[in-house]
N, C-alpha and C. Protein backbone atom coordinates (compact mmCIF):
# COMPACT_ATOMS: atom_id res chain seq x y z
N MET A 1 17.33 4.05 8.63
CA MET A 1 17.34 2.78 9.30
C MET A 1 18.65 2.07 8.99
N SER A 2 19.15 1.31 9.93
CA SER A 2 20.49 0.79 9.77
C SER A 2 20.55 -0.57 9.09
N SER A 3 19.57 -1.41 9.25
CA SER A 3 19.67 -2.74 8.65
C SER A 3 18.35 -3.15 8.01
N THR A 4 18.45 -4.07 7.06
CA THR A 4 17.28 -4.54 6.35
C THR A 4 16.27 -5.16 7.30
N GLY A 5 16.73 -5.91 8.31
CA GLY A 5 15.82 -6.52 9.28
C GLY A 5 14.99 -5.47 9.99
N SER A 6 15.64 -4.41 10.45
CA SER A 6 14.89 -3.36 11.14
C SER A 6 13.99 -2.60 10.18
N GLU A 7 14.40 -2.49 8.92
CA GLU A 7 13.55 -1.84 7.92
C GLU A 7 12.28 -2.65 7.69
N LEU A 8 12.43 -3.97 7.57
CA LEU A 8 11.25 -4.84 7.41
C LEU A 8 10.35 -4.79 8.64
N ASP A 9 10.97 -4.78 9.81
CA ASP A 9 10.19 -4.69 11.05
C ASP A 9 9.38 -3.41 11.08
N LYS A 10 10.01 -2.29 10.72
CA LYS A 10 9.32 -1.00 10.72
C LYS A 10 8.21 -1.00 9.67
N LEU A 11 8.49 -1.53 8.48
CA LEU A 11 7.47 -1.60 7.43
C LEU A 11 6.28 -2.42 7.90
N ASN A 12 6.53 -3.58 8.48
CA ASN A 12 5.43 -4.43 8.95
C ASN A 12 4.64 -3.75 10.05
N GLU A 13 5.32 -3.03 10.92
CA GLU A 13 4.64 -2.27 11.99
C GLU A 13 3.74 -1.19 11.37
N LEU A 14 4.27 -0.48 10.39
CA LEU A 14 3.50 0.59 9.74
C LEU A 14 2.29 0.04 8.98
N LEU A 15 2.49 -1.07 8.26
CA LEU A 15 1.40 -1.61 7.43
C LEU A 15 0.20 -2.04 8.25
N LYS A 16 0.39 -2.37 9.53
CA LYS A 16 -0.73 -2.76 10.39
C LYS A 16 -1.72 -1.62 10.57
N LYS A 17 -1.29 -0.39 10.34
CA LYS A 17 -2.14 0.78 10.54
C LYS A 17 -3.08 1.06 9.37
N PHE A 18 -2.88 0.35 8.26
CA PHE A 18 -3.62 0.68 7.04
C PHE A 18 -4.41 -0.51 6.52
N ARG A 19 -5.60 -0.23 6.03
CA ARG A 19 -6.43 -1.26 5.40
C ARG A 19 -6.50 -1.05 3.89
N PHE A 20 -6.41 0.20 3.47
CA PHE A 20 -6.56 0.53 2.05
C PHE A 20 -5.29 1.17 1.51
N ALA A 21 -5.06 0.94 0.23
CA ALA A 21 -3.92 1.54 -0.46
C ALA A 21 -4.39 2.15 -1.77
N MET A 22 -3.75 3.21 -2.17
CA MET A 22 -3.91 3.72 -3.53
C MET A 22 -2.72 3.14 -4.30
N VAL A 23 -3.02 2.26 -5.24
CA VAL A 23 -1.99 1.60 -6.02
C VAL A 23 -1.92 2.30 -7.37
N THR A 24 -0.77 2.87 -7.67
CA THR A 24 -0.60 3.62 -8.92
C THR A 24 0.14 2.76 -9.94
N THR A 25 -0.47 2.67 -11.12
CA THR A 25 0.09 1.91 -12.23
C THR A 25 0.27 2.85 -13.41
N ARG A 26 0.97 2.37 -14.43
CA ARG A 26 1.19 3.17 -15.63
C ARG A 26 0.42 2.56 -16.80
N ALA A 27 -0.43 3.38 -17.42
CA ALA A 27 -1.22 2.94 -18.56
C ALA A 27 -0.33 2.86 -19.81
N GLU A 28 -0.89 2.30 -20.86
CA GLU A 28 -0.13 2.11 -22.10
C GLU A 28 0.40 3.42 -22.66
N ASP A 29 -0.36 4.51 -22.48
CA ASP A 29 0.08 5.81 -22.99
C ASP A 29 1.03 6.53 -22.03
N GLY A 30 1.40 5.86 -20.94
CA GLY A 30 2.32 6.43 -19.97
C GLY A 30 1.66 7.18 -18.83
N ALA A 31 0.35 7.39 -18.91
CA ALA A 31 -0.37 8.11 -17.86
C ALA A 31 -0.41 7.28 -16.58
N LEU A 32 -0.34 7.96 -15.45
CA LEU A 32 -0.42 7.29 -14.15
C LEU A 32 -1.88 7.18 -13.74
N HIS A 33 -2.25 6.00 -13.19
CA HIS A 33 -3.60 5.76 -12.72
C HIS A 33 -3.53 5.19 -11.30
N ALA A 34 -4.28 5.78 -10.38
CA ALA A 34 -4.33 5.30 -9.01
C ALA A 34 -5.61 4.51 -8.79
N HIS A 35 -5.49 3.37 -8.14
CA HIS A 35 -6.60 2.46 -7.91
C HIS A 35 -6.75 2.22 -6.40
N PRO A 36 -7.91 2.48 -5.82
CA PRO A 36 -8.09 2.17 -4.39
C PRO A 36 -8.30 0.67 -4.21
N LEU A 37 -7.42 0.03 -3.46
CA LEU A 37 -7.50 -1.41 -3.24
C LEU A 37 -7.38 -1.72 -1.75
N THR A 38 -8.04 -2.80 -1.34
CA THR A 38 -7.97 -3.25 0.05
C THR A 38 -6.80 -4.22 0.20
N VAL A 39 -5.96 -3.96 1.18
CA VAL A 39 -4.85 -4.88 1.47
C VAL A 39 -5.45 -6.13 2.09
N GLN A 40 -5.29 -7.27 1.42
CA GLN A 40 -5.83 -8.53 1.92
C GLN A 40 -4.85 -9.23 2.86
N GLU A 41 -3.55 -9.08 2.56
CA GLU A 41 -2.54 -9.73 3.39
C GLU A 41 -1.22 -9.00 3.23
N THR A 42 -0.48 -8.94 4.32
CA THR A 42 0.88 -8.40 4.31
C THR A 42 1.79 -9.51 4.77
N GLU A 43 2.75 -9.88 3.93
CA GLU A 43 3.70 -10.90 4.32
C GLU A 43 4.88 -10.25 5.03
N SER A 44 5.58 -11.01 5.86
CA SER A 44 6.66 -10.45 6.68
C SER A 44 7.83 -9.93 5.84
N ASP A 45 7.91 -10.35 4.57
CA ASP A 45 9.00 -9.85 3.71
C ASP A 45 8.61 -8.59 2.95
N GLY A 46 7.43 -8.02 3.28
CA GLY A 46 7.00 -6.78 2.64
C GLY A 46 6.09 -6.97 1.45
N ASP A 47 5.80 -8.21 1.07
CA ASP A 47 4.87 -8.44 -0.04
C ASP A 47 3.44 -8.13 0.40
N LEU A 48 2.67 -7.56 -0.50
CA LEU A 48 1.27 -7.23 -0.24
C LEU A 48 0.40 -7.95 -1.25
N TRP A 49 -0.76 -8.42 -0.79
CA TRP A 49 -1.71 -9.13 -1.65
C TRP A 49 -3.02 -8.34 -1.74
N PHE A 50 -3.54 -8.28 -2.97
CA PHE A 50 -4.81 -7.62 -3.24
C PHE A 50 -5.66 -8.55 -4.10
N ILE A 51 -6.98 -8.50 -3.91
CA ILE A 51 -7.91 -9.21 -4.78
C ILE A 51 -8.48 -8.17 -5.75
N VAL A 52 -8.40 -8.48 -7.04
CA VAL A 52 -8.83 -7.52 -8.07
C VAL A 52 -9.67 -8.22 -9.13
N GLY A 53 -10.39 -7.42 -9.86
CA GLY A 53 -11.14 -7.94 -11.00
C GLY A 53 -10.20 -8.27 -12.15
N THR A 54 -10.41 -9.39 -12.77
CA THR A 54 -9.56 -9.84 -13.88
C THR A 54 -9.46 -8.82 -14.99
N HIS A 55 -10.55 -8.09 -15.22
CA HIS A 55 -10.59 -7.13 -16.32
C HIS A 55 -10.33 -5.70 -15.88
N ALA A 56 -9.87 -5.52 -14.64
CA ALA A 56 -9.57 -4.17 -14.14
C ALA A 56 -8.39 -3.58 -14.90
N SER A 57 -8.40 -2.28 -15.06
CA SER A 57 -7.30 -1.63 -15.77
C SER A 57 -5.97 -1.87 -15.06
N ALA A 58 -5.98 -1.98 -13.73
CA ALA A 58 -4.73 -2.24 -12.99
C ALA A 58 -4.08 -3.55 -13.45
N VAL A 59 -4.89 -4.55 -13.73
CA VAL A 59 -4.36 -5.84 -14.18
C VAL A 59 -3.67 -5.68 -15.54
N ALA A 60 -4.32 -5.01 -16.47
CA ALA A 60 -3.72 -4.78 -17.80
C ALA A 60 -2.44 -3.97 -17.68
N HIS A 61 -2.46 -2.96 -16.82
CA HIS A 61 -1.27 -2.11 -16.65
C HIS A 61 -0.10 -2.92 -16.09
N VAL A 62 -0.35 -3.73 -15.06
CA VAL A 62 0.72 -4.50 -14.40
C VAL A 62 1.27 -5.57 -15.34
N ARG A 63 0.43 -6.15 -16.14
CA ARG A 63 0.92 -7.18 -17.09
C ARG A 63 1.90 -6.57 -18.08
N ARG A 64 1.73 -5.28 -18.39
CA ARG A 64 2.61 -4.60 -19.34
C ARG A 64 3.82 -3.95 -18.65
N ASP A 65 3.59 -3.37 -17.47
CA ASP A 65 4.64 -2.67 -16.74
C ASP A 65 4.45 -2.96 -15.25
N PRO A 66 5.30 -3.80 -14.66
CA PRO A 66 5.09 -4.23 -13.27
C PRO A 66 5.41 -3.18 -12.20
N LYS A 67 6.03 -2.08 -12.57
CA LYS A 67 6.39 -1.07 -11.56
C LYS A 67 5.14 -0.36 -11.05
N VAL A 68 5.00 -0.32 -9.71
CA VAL A 68 3.84 0.32 -9.09
C VAL A 68 4.28 1.19 -7.92
N GLY A 69 3.42 2.12 -7.57
CA GLY A 69 3.59 2.93 -6.37
C GLY A 69 2.38 2.70 -5.49
N LEU A 70 2.57 2.71 -4.19
CA LEU A 70 1.46 2.54 -3.25
C LEU A 70 1.51 3.67 -2.24
N ALA A 71 0.35 4.24 -1.93
CA ALA A 71 0.26 5.31 -0.95
C ALA A 71 -0.75 4.92 0.12
N PHE A 72 -0.38 5.18 1.37
CA PHE A 72 -1.22 4.88 2.52
C PHE A 72 -1.29 6.14 3.37
N SER A 73 -2.44 6.36 4.01
CA SER A 73 -2.59 7.55 4.83
C SER A 73 -3.50 7.27 6.02
N SER A 74 -3.13 7.84 7.17
CA SER A 74 -3.98 7.82 8.36
C SER A 74 -3.91 9.21 8.97
N ASP A 75 -4.47 9.38 10.16
CA ASP A 75 -4.48 10.69 10.80
C ASP A 75 -3.09 11.21 11.13
N SER A 76 -2.13 10.31 11.39
CA SER A 76 -0.82 10.78 11.82
C SER A 76 0.35 10.05 11.16
N THR A 77 0.06 9.18 10.20
CA THR A 77 1.11 8.41 9.55
C THR A 77 0.84 8.34 8.06
N TRP A 78 1.91 8.51 7.28
CA TRP A 78 1.81 8.43 5.83
C TRP A 78 2.92 7.53 5.34
N LEU A 79 2.61 6.70 4.36
CA LEU A 79 3.57 5.72 3.86
C LEU A 79 3.48 5.68 2.34
N SER A 80 4.63 5.73 1.70
CA SER A 80 4.71 5.62 0.25
C SER A 80 5.66 4.47 -0.06
N LEU A 81 5.22 3.54 -0.91
CA LEU A 81 6.04 2.39 -1.27
C LEU A 81 6.21 2.31 -2.78
N ALA A 82 7.30 1.74 -3.20
CA ALA A 82 7.53 1.44 -4.61
C ALA A 82 7.82 -0.05 -4.69
N GLY A 83 7.34 -0.67 -5.75
CA GLY A 83 7.58 -2.10 -5.88
C GLY A 83 7.25 -2.60 -7.27
N GLU A 84 7.28 -3.90 -7.38
CA GLU A 84 6.92 -4.56 -8.63
C GLU A 84 5.74 -5.49 -8.35
N ALA A 85 4.74 -5.40 -9.21
CA ALA A 85 3.52 -6.19 -9.04
C ALA A 85 3.46 -7.29 -10.08
N GLU A 86 2.70 -8.30 -9.74
CA GLU A 86 2.42 -9.36 -10.71
C GLU A 86 1.00 -9.85 -10.48
N VAL A 87 0.38 -10.27 -11.55
CA VAL A 87 -0.95 -10.88 -11.48
C VAL A 87 -0.71 -12.35 -11.19
N VAL A 88 -1.38 -12.87 -10.16
CA VAL A 88 -1.18 -14.25 -9.72
C VAL A 88 -2.52 -14.98 -9.78
N ASP A 89 -2.60 -15.96 -10.64
CA ASP A 89 -3.80 -16.80 -10.74
C ASP A 89 -3.58 -18.04 -9.89
N ASP A 90 -4.00 -17.96 -8.63
CA ASP A 90 -3.78 -19.04 -7.67
C ASP A 90 -5.07 -19.21 -6.86
N LEU A 91 -5.88 -20.18 -7.26
CA LEU A 91 -7.18 -20.39 -6.63
C LEU A 91 -7.04 -20.69 -5.13
N ALA A 92 -6.05 -21.47 -4.74
CA ALA A 92 -5.88 -21.80 -3.32
C ALA A 92 -5.59 -20.53 -2.51
N LYS A 93 -4.72 -19.67 -3.01
CA LYS A 93 -4.40 -18.43 -2.31
C LYS A 93 -5.62 -17.51 -2.30
N LEU A 94 -6.35 -17.47 -3.39
CA LEU A 94 -7.55 -16.64 -3.48
C LEU A 94 -8.57 -17.09 -2.44
N LYS A 95 -8.77 -18.41 -2.30
CA LYS A 95 -9.69 -18.93 -1.29
C LYS A 95 -9.21 -18.60 0.12
N GLU A 96 -7.90 -18.66 0.33
CA GLU A 96 -7.33 -18.34 1.64
C GLU A 96 -7.61 -16.89 2.03
N LEU A 97 -7.56 -15.98 1.07
CA LEU A 97 -7.75 -14.56 1.33
C LEU A 97 -9.21 -14.12 1.26
N TRP A 98 -10.08 -14.99 0.77
CA TRP A 98 -11.48 -14.64 0.54
C TRP A 98 -12.20 -14.30 1.84
N SER A 99 -13.10 -13.33 1.79
CA SER A 99 -13.90 -12.95 2.95
C SER A 99 -15.26 -12.44 2.48
N THR A 100 -16.16 -12.26 3.41
CA THR A 100 -17.49 -11.76 3.04
C THR A 100 -17.42 -10.35 2.47
N SER A 101 -16.46 -9.55 2.92
CA SER A 101 -16.35 -8.20 2.36
C SER A 101 -15.89 -8.24 0.90
N VAL A 102 -15.05 -9.20 0.56
CA VAL A 102 -14.63 -9.36 -0.84
C VAL A 102 -15.82 -9.83 -1.68
N GLU A 103 -16.64 -10.69 -1.09
CA GLU A 103 -17.79 -11.24 -1.80
C GLU A 103 -18.79 -10.15 -2.21
N ALA A 104 -18.82 -9.04 -1.46
CA ALA A 104 -19.69 -7.93 -1.84
C ALA A 104 -19.30 -7.38 -3.22
N TRP A 105 -18.00 -7.40 -3.54
CA TRP A 105 -17.52 -6.91 -4.83
C TRP A 105 -17.53 -8.00 -5.90
N PHE A 106 -17.35 -9.24 -5.48
CA PHE A 106 -17.27 -10.37 -6.41
C PHE A 106 -18.23 -11.46 -5.95
N PRO A 107 -19.54 -11.30 -6.20
CA PRO A 107 -20.55 -12.21 -5.67
C PRO A 107 -20.48 -13.64 -6.20
N ASP A 108 -19.75 -13.87 -7.30
CA ASP A 108 -19.67 -15.21 -7.86
C ASP A 108 -18.61 -16.08 -7.19
N GLY A 109 -17.93 -15.53 -6.19
CA GLY A 109 -16.99 -16.31 -5.41
C GLY A 109 -15.60 -16.39 -6.01
N PRO A 110 -14.68 -17.03 -5.29
CA PRO A 110 -13.28 -17.08 -5.72
C PRO A 110 -13.04 -17.92 -6.98
N GLU A 111 -13.99 -18.82 -7.31
CA GLU A 111 -13.83 -19.63 -8.53
C GLU A 111 -14.17 -18.86 -9.80
N SER A 112 -14.73 -17.66 -9.65
CA SER A 112 -15.15 -16.86 -10.80
C SER A 112 -13.94 -16.48 -11.66
N PRO A 113 -14.09 -16.55 -12.98
CA PRO A 113 -12.99 -16.11 -13.86
C PRO A 113 -12.82 -14.59 -13.84
N ASP A 114 -13.71 -13.88 -13.17
CA ASP A 114 -13.65 -12.42 -13.12
C ASP A 114 -12.84 -11.88 -11.94
N VAL A 115 -12.17 -12.76 -11.20
CA VAL A 115 -11.40 -12.32 -10.03
C VAL A 115 -10.02 -12.98 -10.03
N THR A 116 -9.02 -12.20 -9.61
CA THR A 116 -7.65 -12.71 -9.55
C THR A 116 -6.90 -12.00 -8.44
N LEU A 117 -5.63 -12.28 -8.32
CA LEU A 117 -4.79 -11.70 -7.28
C LEU A 117 -3.72 -10.79 -7.86
N LEU A 118 -3.39 -9.79 -7.10
CA LEU A 118 -2.28 -8.91 -7.43
C LEU A 118 -1.33 -8.97 -6.23
N ARG A 119 -0.08 -9.35 -6.49
CA ARG A 119 0.93 -9.40 -5.44
C ARG A 119 1.96 -8.32 -5.73
N VAL A 120 2.27 -7.52 -4.71
CA VAL A 120 3.27 -6.47 -4.87
C VAL A 120 4.48 -6.80 -4.01
N ASN A 121 5.63 -6.87 -4.64
CA ASN A 121 6.90 -7.06 -3.96
C ASN A 121 7.44 -5.66 -3.66
N THR A 122 7.41 -5.26 -2.39
CA THR A 122 7.87 -3.94 -1.99
C THR A 122 9.39 -3.86 -2.09
N LEU A 123 9.89 -2.82 -2.77
CA LEU A 123 11.32 -2.65 -2.95
C LEU A 123 11.89 -1.48 -2.15
N SER A 124 11.10 -0.44 -1.99
CA SER A 124 11.58 0.73 -1.24
C SER A 124 10.39 1.53 -0.75
N GLY A 125 10.67 2.47 0.12
CA GLY A 125 9.59 3.28 0.62
C GLY A 125 10.07 4.43 1.47
N GLU A 126 9.10 5.22 1.88
CA GLU A 126 9.36 6.34 2.78
C GLU A 126 8.12 6.53 3.62
N TYR A 127 8.34 6.87 4.90
CA TYR A 127 7.20 7.12 5.76
C TYR A 127 7.40 8.42 6.51
N TRP A 128 6.29 8.98 6.92
CA TRP A 128 6.27 10.19 7.72
C TRP A 128 5.30 9.93 8.87
N GLY A 129 5.65 10.39 10.04
CA GLY A 129 4.76 10.25 11.18
C GLY A 129 4.84 11.49 12.04
N SER A 130 3.71 11.91 12.55
CA SER A 130 3.72 13.06 13.44
C SER A 130 3.71 12.57 14.88
N ALA A 131 4.59 13.12 15.67
CA ALA A 131 4.68 12.72 17.07
C ALA A 131 3.39 13.10 17.79
N GLY A 132 2.82 12.14 18.50
CA GLY A 132 1.64 12.42 19.30
C GLY A 132 0.31 12.24 18.60
N GLY A 133 0.30 11.89 17.34
CA GLY A 133 -0.95 11.60 16.65
C GLY A 133 -1.68 12.82 16.14
N ARG A 134 -2.97 12.64 15.89
CA ARG A 134 -3.79 13.65 15.22
C ARG A 134 -3.91 14.94 16.03
N ILE A 135 -4.12 14.87 17.32
CA ILE A 135 -4.29 16.08 18.13
C ILE A 135 -2.98 16.87 18.16
N ALA A 136 -1.87 16.18 18.33
CA ALA A 136 -0.58 16.86 18.34
C ALA A 136 -0.30 17.51 16.99
N THR A 137 -0.71 16.84 15.91
CA THR A 137 -0.53 17.40 14.57
C THR A 137 -1.35 18.68 14.43
N ALA A 138 -2.58 18.67 14.88
CA ALA A 138 -3.44 19.86 14.80
C ALA A 138 -2.84 21.01 15.61
N ILE A 139 -2.35 20.71 16.81
CA ILE A 139 -1.74 21.74 17.66
C ILE A 139 -0.49 22.30 16.97
N ALA A 140 0.33 21.42 16.40
CA ALA A 140 1.55 21.87 15.72
C ALA A 140 1.21 22.77 14.53
N LEU A 141 0.15 22.43 13.80
CA LEU A 141 -0.24 23.25 12.65
C LEU A 141 -0.72 24.62 13.10
N VAL A 142 -1.51 24.66 14.15
CA VAL A 142 -1.99 25.95 14.67
C VAL A 142 -0.81 26.77 15.18
N THR A 143 0.08 26.13 15.95
CA THR A 143 1.26 26.83 16.47
C THR A 143 2.10 27.38 15.33
N SER A 144 2.27 26.59 14.28
CA SER A 144 3.04 27.01 13.12
C SER A 144 2.40 28.23 12.46
N LYS A 145 1.09 28.21 12.36
CA LYS A 145 0.36 29.32 11.74
C LYS A 145 0.57 30.60 12.55
N VAL A 146 0.52 30.48 13.88
CA VAL A 146 0.65 31.64 14.75
C VAL A 146 2.10 32.15 14.80
N THR A 147 3.05 31.23 14.94
CA THR A 147 4.45 31.64 15.12
C THR A 147 5.20 31.80 13.80
N GLY A 148 4.69 31.17 12.75
CA GLY A 148 5.39 31.21 11.47
C GLY A 148 6.54 30.24 11.38
N GLU A 149 6.72 29.40 12.41
CA GLU A 149 7.79 28.42 12.41
C GLU A 149 7.28 27.06 11.95
N ARG A 150 8.15 26.32 11.32
CA ARG A 150 7.79 25.00 10.82
C ARG A 150 7.55 24.04 11.98
N PRO A 151 6.50 23.18 11.89
CA PRO A 151 6.24 22.21 12.96
C PRO A 151 7.43 21.26 13.14
N GLN A 152 7.70 20.86 14.39
CA GLN A 152 8.81 19.98 14.71
C GLN A 152 8.27 18.68 15.31
N GLY A 153 9.15 17.68 15.41
CA GLY A 153 8.84 16.49 16.18
C GLY A 153 8.33 15.30 15.39
N GLY A 154 8.25 15.38 14.10
CA GLY A 154 7.77 14.24 13.33
C GLY A 154 8.91 13.33 12.92
N GLU A 155 8.52 12.17 12.40
CA GLU A 155 9.48 11.20 11.90
C GLU A 155 9.44 11.19 10.39
N ASN A 156 10.59 10.93 9.76
CA ASN A 156 10.65 10.72 8.33
C ASN A 156 11.81 9.77 8.09
N GLU A 157 11.57 8.72 7.33
CA GLU A 157 12.59 7.71 7.11
C GLU A 157 12.40 7.10 5.72
N LYS A 158 13.50 6.91 5.00
CA LYS A 158 13.48 6.20 3.72
C LYS A 158 14.11 4.83 3.92
N PHE A 159 13.69 3.85 3.13
CA PHE A 159 14.29 2.53 3.26
C PHE A 159 14.26 1.78 1.93
N ASP A 160 15.17 0.84 1.78
CA ASP A 160 15.25 -0.05 0.63
C ASP A 160 15.19 -1.47 1.14
N LEU A 161 14.48 -2.32 0.40
CA LEU A 161 14.35 -3.73 0.78
C LEU A 161 14.98 -4.60 -0.30
N PRO A 162 15.40 -5.81 0.07
CA PRO A 162 15.95 -6.71 -0.96
C PRO A 162 14.84 -7.15 -1.92
N ALA A 163 15.19 -7.35 -3.16
CA ALA A 163 14.22 -7.77 -4.17
C ALA A 163 13.79 -9.15 -3.96
């Protein structure tokens, strides 16, 4: 991609395709841990918001080491992001993002001391997309198996965003 504006535009376009992310953090012993989290909000500058339990291991990991990785997957698009996360105790923002689906996980509501926010500032990423979606991907895989040639026609792009 040629400019940061177009990179942000592409990132925002891609993020609309995903509801869930696997957020990878680093534990105290250095081990990587992936956490399935629901994307609550995507800001136009690439920041992502998640609602998490205050005592979740992801919270402890981020407080010690803010570097995180995020992975997203659909039938024809894959996205990997790297960024820095922070735990944000902001009741107004928590209420703004609150929904009935969140309440299923946190029945005591947004005022509960057991719930907080995780904000990820996206710094870089890479995406892959198969031309034509899931059916085209399946056809390309079958064709590749029969012909022995690598499937063609997909997209792959790396990008960096301002901090």
